[in-house]
Amino acid sequence: MAVEHHNLIHEFPEFRDLIHKLKMENHHFRRIFDEYHELTTEIENMENEVTPTSSLAEEKAKLRRVHLKDELFAMLKASAKKI
């Protein structure tokens, strides 16, 4: 089964430059960004059955990723308005 990749640049290609800028300049954005990508790797390993886990644990991880993505998107939108 093909696993869909959820890296932030893939999710928000229109914010490519802003994502890079915020990673360099905003500690909070960088921390959330790193957590999002670490969690994405964990989820991909669960989906590929590299890391055995329960369906409940996988769903909880996916829900956490959605919350992180929402927070990152809100920060991107707010920063884009300032430019």
N, C-alpha and C. Protein backbone atom coordinates (compact mmCIF):
# COMPACT_ATOMS: atom_id res chain seq x y z
N MET A 1 0.84 -1.18 0.00
CA MET A 1 0.00 0.00 0.00
C MET A 1 0.88 1.24 0.00
N ALA A 2 0.59 2.17 -0.87
CA ALA A 2 1.36 3.41 -0.94
C ALA A 2 0.95 4.35 0.19
N VAL A 3 1.94 4.87 0.87
CA VAL A 3 1.70 5.79 1.97
C VAL A 3 1.83 7.21 1.45
N GLU A 4 0.82 8.02 1.72
CA GLU A 4 0.86 9.42 1.31
C GLU A 4 1.79 10.20 2.24
N HIS A 5 2.66 11.01 1.64
CA HIS A 5 3.59 11.80 2.45
C HIS A 5 2.93 13.12 2.83
N HIS A 6 3.18 13.54 4.06
CA HIS A 6 2.54 14.74 4.59
C HIS A 6 3.55 15.79 5.03
N ASN A 7 4.68 15.91 4.32
CA ASN A 7 5.61 16.95 4.74
C ASN A 7 4.96 18.31 4.50
N LEU A 8 5.37 19.28 5.26
CA LEU A 8 4.69 20.58 5.27
C LEU A 8 4.80 21.31 3.93
N ILE A 9 5.92 21.19 3.26
CA ILE A 9 6.08 21.83 1.95
C ILE A 9 5.09 21.22 0.95
N HIS A 10 4.89 19.91 1.04
CA HIS A 10 3.93 19.23 0.17
C HIS A 10 2.50 19.67 0.49
N GLU A 11 2.23 19.86 1.76
CA GLU A 11 0.89 20.26 2.18
C GLU A 11 0.58 21.71 1.82
N PHE A 12 1.58 22.59 1.93
CA PHE A 12 1.38 24.03 1.69
C PHE A 12 2.45 24.58 0.75
N PRO A 13 2.46 24.15 -0.51
CA PRO A 13 3.53 24.60 -1.42
C PRO A 13 3.55 26.11 -1.63
N GLU A 14 2.42 26.76 -1.47
CA GLU A 14 2.36 28.22 -1.65
C GLU A 14 3.11 28.97 -0.54
N PHE A 15 3.41 28.28 0.55
CA PHE A 15 4.12 28.90 1.68
C PHE A 15 5.57 28.44 1.77
N ARG A 16 6.10 27.85 0.71
CA ARG A 16 7.46 27.29 0.75
C ARG A 16 8.48 28.28 1.33
N ASP A 17 8.54 29.48 0.79
CA ASP A 17 9.53 30.47 1.24
C ASP A 17 9.27 30.92 2.67
N LEU A 18 7.99 31.10 3.00
CA LEU A 18 7.63 31.54 4.35
C LEU A 18 7.95 30.45 5.38
N ILE A 19 7.73 29.20 5.03
CA ILE A 19 8.07 28.10 5.94
C ILE A 19 9.57 28.15 6.26
N HIS A 20 10.38 28.31 5.24
CA HIS A 20 11.82 28.38 5.46
C HIS A 20 12.18 29.59 6.35
N LYS A 21 11.58 30.73 6.06
CA LYS A 21 11.86 31.95 6.83
C LYS A 21 11.48 31.76 8.30
N LEU A 22 10.29 31.21 8.56
CA LEU A 22 9.84 31.04 9.94
C LEU A 22 10.68 29.98 10.67
N LYS A 23 11.11 28.95 9.97
CA LYS A 23 11.98 27.96 10.60
C LYS A 23 13.27 28.60 11.09
N MET A 24 13.76 29.58 10.36
CA MET A 24 15.02 30.23 10.71
C MET A 24 14.84 31.30 11.78
N GLU A 25 13.68 31.95 11.82
CA GLU A 25 13.50 33.13 12.66
C GLU A 25 12.58 32.96 13.86
N ASN A 26 11.74 31.93 13.87
CA ASN A 26 10.73 31.80 14.91
C ASN A 26 10.92 30.47 15.64
N HIS A 27 11.39 30.55 16.88
CA HIS A 27 11.70 29.34 17.66
C HIS A 27 10.45 28.48 17.86
N HIS A 28 9.32 29.08 18.16
CA HIS A 28 8.09 28.32 18.39
C HIS A 28 7.66 27.59 17.11
N PHE A 29 7.70 28.29 15.97
CA PHE A 29 7.36 27.66 14.70
C PHE A 29 8.28 26.48 14.44
N ARG A 30 9.57 26.67 14.66
CA ARG A 30 10.55 25.62 14.42
C ARG A 30 10.28 24.39 15.29
N ARG A 31 9.93 24.62 16.56
CA ARG A 31 9.65 23.52 17.48
C ARG A 31 8.44 22.72 17.01
N ILE A 32 7.36 23.43 16.64
CA ILE A 32 6.14 22.77 16.17
C ILE A 32 6.41 22.07 14.83
N PHE A 33 7.15 22.73 13.95
CA PHE A 33 7.53 22.15 12.66
C PHE A 33 8.28 20.84 12.86
N ASP A 34 9.27 20.84 13.74
CA ASP A 34 10.06 19.63 14.01
C ASP A 34 9.18 18.52 14.59
N GLU A 35 8.31 18.88 15.52
CA GLU A 35 7.42 17.87 16.10
C GLU A 35 6.50 17.29 15.03
N TYR A 36 5.96 18.15 14.16
CA TYR A 36 5.09 17.70 13.07
C TYR A 36 5.83 16.68 12.19
N HIS A 37 7.05 17.00 11.81
CA HIS A 37 7.78 16.10 10.93
C HIS A 37 8.23 14.81 11.61
N GLU A 38 8.59 14.88 12.87
CA GLU A 38 8.93 13.65 13.61
C GLU A 38 7.70 12.75 13.72
N LEU A 39 6.56 13.34 14.01
CA LEU A 39 5.32 12.58 14.13
C LEU A 39 4.92 12.00 12.78
N THR A 40 5.10 12.75 11.72
CA THR A 40 4.80 12.24 10.37
C THR A 40 5.64 11.01 10.06
N THR A 41 6.91 11.04 10.40
CA THR A 41 7.78 9.88 10.18
C THR A 41 7.28 8.68 10.99
N GLU A 42 6.90 8.91 12.24
CA GLU A 42 6.38 7.83 13.08
C GLU A 42 5.12 7.23 12.47
N ILE A 43 4.23 8.09 11.99
CA ILE A 43 2.97 7.62 11.40
C ILE A 43 3.25 6.82 10.12
N GLU A 44 4.16 7.31 9.29
CA GLU A 44 4.51 6.57 8.07
C GLU A 44 5.07 5.20 8.42
N ASN A 45 5.86 5.12 9.48
CA ASN A 45 6.38 3.82 9.92
C ASN A 45 5.26 2.91 10.42
N MET A 46 4.28 3.48 11.07
CA MET A 46 3.12 2.69 11.51
C MET A 46 2.34 2.19 10.30
N GLU A 47 2.10 3.06 9.34
CA GLU A 47 1.32 2.70 8.16
C GLU A 47 2.05 1.66 7.30
N ASN A 48 3.37 1.73 7.25
CA ASN A 48 4.17 0.77 6.50
C ASN A 48 4.46 -0.50 7.30
N GLU A 49 3.93 -0.56 8.51
CA GLU A 49 4.11 -1.68 9.42
C GLU A 49 5.57 -1.92 9.79
N VAL A 50 6.36 -0.84 9.76
CA VAL A 50 7.73 -0.90 10.25
C VAL A 50 7.69 -0.88 11.77
N THR A 51 6.78 -0.08 12.31
CA THR A 51 6.57 0.02 13.74
C THR A 51 5.19 -0.55 14.06
N PRO A 52 5.13 -1.75 14.61
CA PRO A 52 3.83 -2.33 14.95
C PRO A 52 3.14 -1.49 16.02
N THR A 53 1.85 -1.26 15.82
CA THR A 53 1.09 -0.46 16.79
C THR A 53 -0.39 -0.77 16.65
N SER A 54 -1.15 -0.35 17.62
CA SER A 54 -2.60 -0.55 17.54
C SER A 54 -3.22 0.52 16.65
N SER A 55 -4.39 0.23 16.16
CA SER A 55 -5.12 1.20 15.34
C SER A 55 -5.42 2.45 16.15
N LEU A 56 -5.73 2.28 17.43
CA LEU A 56 -6.03 3.42 18.30
C LEU A 56 -4.82 4.34 18.43
N ALA A 57 -3.65 3.76 18.65
CA ALA A 57 -2.43 4.57 18.78
C ALA A 57 -2.14 5.31 17.48
N GLU A 58 -2.34 4.65 16.35
CA GLU A 58 -2.11 5.28 15.06
C GLU A 58 -3.10 6.44 14.85
N GLU A 59 -4.35 6.24 15.20
CA GLU A 59 -5.35 7.30 15.04
C GLU A 59 -5.06 8.48 15.97
N LYS A 60 -4.61 8.22 17.18
CA LYS A 60 -4.24 9.30 18.10
C LYS A 60 -3.07 10.10 17.54
N ALA A 61 -2.11 9.42 16.97
CA ALA A 61 -0.96 10.11 16.37
C ALA A 61 -1.41 10.97 15.20
N LYS A 62 -2.30 10.45 14.38
CA LYS A 62 -2.81 11.21 13.24
C LYS A 62 -3.60 12.44 13.71
N LEU A 63 -4.36 12.30 14.77
CA LEU A 63 -5.11 13.43 15.31
C LEU A 63 -4.16 14.50 15.84
N ARG A 64 -3.10 14.08 16.52
CA ARG A 64 -2.09 15.03 17.01
C ARG A 64 -1.45 15.77 15.84
N ARG A 65 -1.16 15.03 14.75
CA ARG A 65 -0.56 15.65 13.57
C ARG A 65 -1.50 16.70 12.97
N VAL A 66 -2.79 16.43 12.94
CA VAL A 66 -3.77 17.40 12.41
C VAL A 66 -3.75 18.67 13.25
N HIS A 67 -3.69 18.52 14.56
CA HIS A 67 -3.64 19.69 15.44
C HIS A 67 -2.36 20.51 15.21
N LEU A 68 -1.24 19.83 15.06
CA LEU A 68 0.02 20.53 14.78
C LEU A 68 -0.05 21.25 13.43
N LYS A 69 -0.61 20.57 12.44
CA LYS A 69 -0.74 21.16 11.10
C LYS A 69 -1.62 22.40 11.15
N ASP A 70 -2.71 22.33 11.90
CA ASP A 70 -3.60 23.49 12.05
C ASP A 70 -2.86 24.67 12.69
N GLU A 71 -2.07 24.37 13.71
CA GLU A 71 -1.32 25.43 14.39
C GLU A 71 -0.28 26.04 13.44
N LEU A 72 0.41 25.20 12.70
CA LEU A 72 1.40 25.70 11.75
C LEU A 72 0.74 26.54 10.66
N PHE A 73 -0.39 26.09 10.15
CA PHE A 73 -1.10 26.83 9.11
C PHE A 73 -1.56 28.19 9.63
N ALA A 74 -2.06 28.24 10.85
CA ALA A 74 -2.48 29.51 11.44
C ALA A 74 -1.29 30.47 11.55
N MET A 75 -0.14 29.96 11.94
CA MET A 75 1.05 30.79 12.04
C MET A 75 1.49 31.28 10.67
N LEU A 76 1.40 30.41 9.66
CA LEU A 76 1.75 30.80 8.29
C LEU A 76 0.82 31.89 7.77
N LYS A 77 -0.47 31.71 7.99
CA LYS A 77 -1.45 32.71 7.53
C LYS A 77 -1.21 34.06 8.22
N ALA A 78 -0.98 34.04 9.52
CA ALA A 78 -0.75 35.27 10.26
C ALA A 78 0.52 35.96 9.77
N SER A 79 1.55 35.20 9.52
CA SER A 79 2.81 35.79 9.04
C SER A 79 2.67 36.31 7.61
N ALA A 80 1.90 35.62 6.80
CA ALA A 80 1.70 36.06 5.41
C ALA A 80 0.98 37.40 5.35
N LYS A 81 0.08 37.64 6.29
CA LYS A 81 -0.65 38.91 6.33
C LYS A 81 0.26 40.09 6.66
N LYS A 82 1.34 39.82 7.38
CA LYS A 82 2.27 40.87 7.80
C LYS A 82 3.21 41.28 6.67
N ILE A 83 3.31 40.43 5.66
CA ILE A 83 4.26 40.69 4.57
C ILE A 83 3.64 41.63 3.55
